[in-house]
Amino acid sequence: MSKYLLDKFLFTVDRDPELVERYREEPRAMVEWWEAEEAGRILGSHLDERSTWLSFDDAEREALATHDYPKLFELGAHPFLTLTLFIAMFERDYAEPLGFQLEYAQRLSGYSLPYPDIST
């Protein structure tokens, strides 16, 4: 399991409107593409440097592919990163202001302290 790679996925996808839409419309294909093409890219490098040692485990891959943000929280993904990405994807589907944020809070309300460790 790599909380770093989960957070890297959430961070990089959230910053690219095209990737946000791809992830919304075709999540499984998007996760597979990202893991194969982008997971190894070293962020902040001016060259196309890559690593090869990180990959999602099956639980992470499935949680990402099914937009299962409570599971991502349980796995240790940073809740701010999941919230901001999922707002970008799903806020438009709610008629009321903060509709998605309220659902997010409700779906995570079963967790109590201590929360899952989000350190990477």
Protein backbone atom coordinates (compact mmCIF):
# COMPACT_ATOMS: atom_id res chain seq x y z
CA MET A 1 0.00 0.00 0.00
CA SER A 2 1.25 3.48 -0.84
CA LYS A 3 -0.56 6.44 0.71
CA TYR A 4 1.92 8.62 -1.15
CA LEU A 5 0.77 7.26 -4.51
CA LEU A 6 -2.91 7.66 -3.59
CA ASP A 7 -2.26 11.27 -2.64
CA LYS A 8 -0.18 11.84 -5.76
CA PHE A 9 -3.05 10.57 -7.93
CA LEU A 10 -5.59 12.82 -6.17
CA PHE A 11 -3.26 15.82 -6.30
CA THR A 12 -2.26 15.54 -9.95
CA VAL A 13 -5.71 14.69 -11.30
CA ASP A 14 -7.32 17.56 -9.39
CA ARG A 15 -4.99 20.06 -11.03
CA ASP A 16 -5.87 19.12 -14.62
CA PRO A 17 -9.44 19.80 -15.80
CA GLU A 18 -9.18 17.23 -18.59
CA LEU A 19 -8.09 14.53 -16.14
CA VAL A 20 -10.89 15.51 -13.75
CA GLU A 21 -13.42 14.93 -16.53
CA ARG A 22 -11.79 11.66 -17.61
CA TYR A 23 -11.84 10.45 -14.03
CA ARG A 24 -15.50 11.41 -13.66
CA GLU A 25 -16.60 9.72 -16.90
CA GLU A 26 -14.32 6.68 -17.13
CA PRO A 27 -12.80 6.12 -13.69
CA ARG A 28 -11.49 2.59 -14.15
CA ALA A 29 -9.82 3.36 -17.48
CA MET A 30 -8.45 6.60 -16.10
CA VAL A 31 -6.91 4.89 -13.04
CA GLU A 32 -5.33 2.21 -15.25
CA TRP A 33 -3.92 4.84 -17.64
CA TRP A 34 -2.64 7.03 -14.80
CA GLU A 35 -0.94 4.15 -13.04
CA ALA A 36 0.76 3.02 -16.26
CA GLU A 37 1.74 6.45 -17.58
CA GLU A 38 1.91 8.95 -14.72
CA ALA A 39 2.51 7.14 -11.43
CA GLY A 40 6.26 6.94 -11.99
CA ARG A 41 6.71 10.56 -13.07
CA ILE A 42 8.73 12.50 -10.52
CA LEU A 43 6.83 15.67 -9.68
CA GLY A 44 8.73 18.94 -9.85
CA SER A 45 11.44 17.52 -12.07
CA HIS A 46 12.30 19.61 -15.11
CA LEU A 47 13.32 16.44 -16.92
CA ASP A 48 11.10 13.46 -17.60
CA GLU A 49 12.53 11.54 -14.66
CA ARG A 50 10.64 8.46 -13.58
CA SER A 51 10.67 5.85 -10.87
CA THR A 52 9.40 2.32 -11.20
CA TRP A 53 8.90 1.09 -7.67
CA LEU A 54 5.40 2.37 -6.79
CA SER A 55 2.06 0.90 -7.77
CA PHE A 56 -1.42 0.73 -6.33
CA ASP A 57 -2.48 -2.40 -4.50
CA ASP A 58 -5.81 -3.99 -5.44
CA ALA A 59 -7.80 -2.23 -2.69
CA GLU A 60 -6.43 1.19 -3.65
CA ARG A 61 -7.01 0.61 -7.35
CA GLU A 62 -10.59 -0.52 -6.74
CA ALA A 63 -11.39 2.39 -4.40
CA LEU A 64 -10.10 4.85 -6.99
CA ALA A 65 -11.88 3.09 -9.86
CA THR A 66 -15.22 3.18 -8.02
CA HIS A 67 -14.90 6.71 -6.59
CA ASP A 68 -15.12 5.17 -3.11
CA TYR A 69 -13.87 8.13 -1.08
CA PRO A 70 -14.80 6.59 2.30
CA LYS A 71 -12.56 3.64 1.43
CA LEU A 72 -9.82 6.02 0.30
CA PHE A 73 -10.09 7.76 3.69
CA GLU A 74 -9.86 4.38 5.42
CA LEU A 75 -6.75 3.57 3.36
CA GLY A 76 -5.09 6.78 4.52
CA ALA A 77 -5.58 9.11 1.54
CA HIS A 78 -5.55 12.71 2.68
CA PRO A 79 -9.17 13.85 3.18
CA PHE A 80 -8.51 17.35 1.82
CA LEU A 81 -7.24 15.87 -1.45
CA THR A 82 -10.23 13.56 -1.81
CA LEU A 83 -12.67 16.33 -0.93
CA THR A 84 -11.29 18.88 -3.40
CA LEU A 85 -11.12 16.40 -6.30
CA PHE A 86 -14.55 14.95 -5.65
CA ILE A 87 -16.06 18.45 -5.32
CA ALA A 88 -14.63 19.22 -8.77
CA MET A 89 -16.22 16.07 -10.16
CA PHE A 90 -19.60 15.93 -8.42
CA GLU A 91 -20.60 19.31 -7.00
CA ARG A 92 -22.44 20.09 -10.26
CA ASP A 93 -24.78 17.14 -9.67
CA TYR A 94 -26.38 18.76 -6.59
CA ALA A 95 -29.06 21.46 -6.69
CA GLU A 96 -28.37 22.82 -3.22
CA PRO A 97 -25.21 24.72 -2.24
CA LEU A 98 -22.66 22.48 -0.53
CA GLY A 99 -24.74 19.42 -1.48
CA PHE A 100 -21.76 17.24 -2.23
CA GLN A 101 -19.82 18.44 0.80
CA LEU A 102 -22.77 17.50 3.02
CA GLU A 103 -22.89 14.03 1.47
CA TYR A 104 -19.13 13.66 1.90
CA ALA A 105 -19.41 14.58 5.59
CA GLN A 106 -22.36 12.21 6.09
CA ARG A 107 -20.57 9.29 4.42
CA LEU A 108 -17.50 9.82 6.59
CA SER A 109 -19.48 10.43 9.78
CA GLY A 110 -19.03 6.84 10.95
CA TYR A 111 -15.34 7.42 11.58
CA SER A 112 -14.24 8.59 14.98
CA LEU A 113 -10.93 9.45 16.53
CA PRO A 114 -8.35 8.28 16.05
CA TYR A 115 -8.79 8.77 12.29
CA PRO A 116 -6.77 6.68 9.86
CA ASP A 117 -3.15 7.78 9.64
CA ILE A 118 -2.68 10.09 6.65
CA SER A 119 1.07 10.50 6.93
CA THR A 120 3.08 9.32 3.94
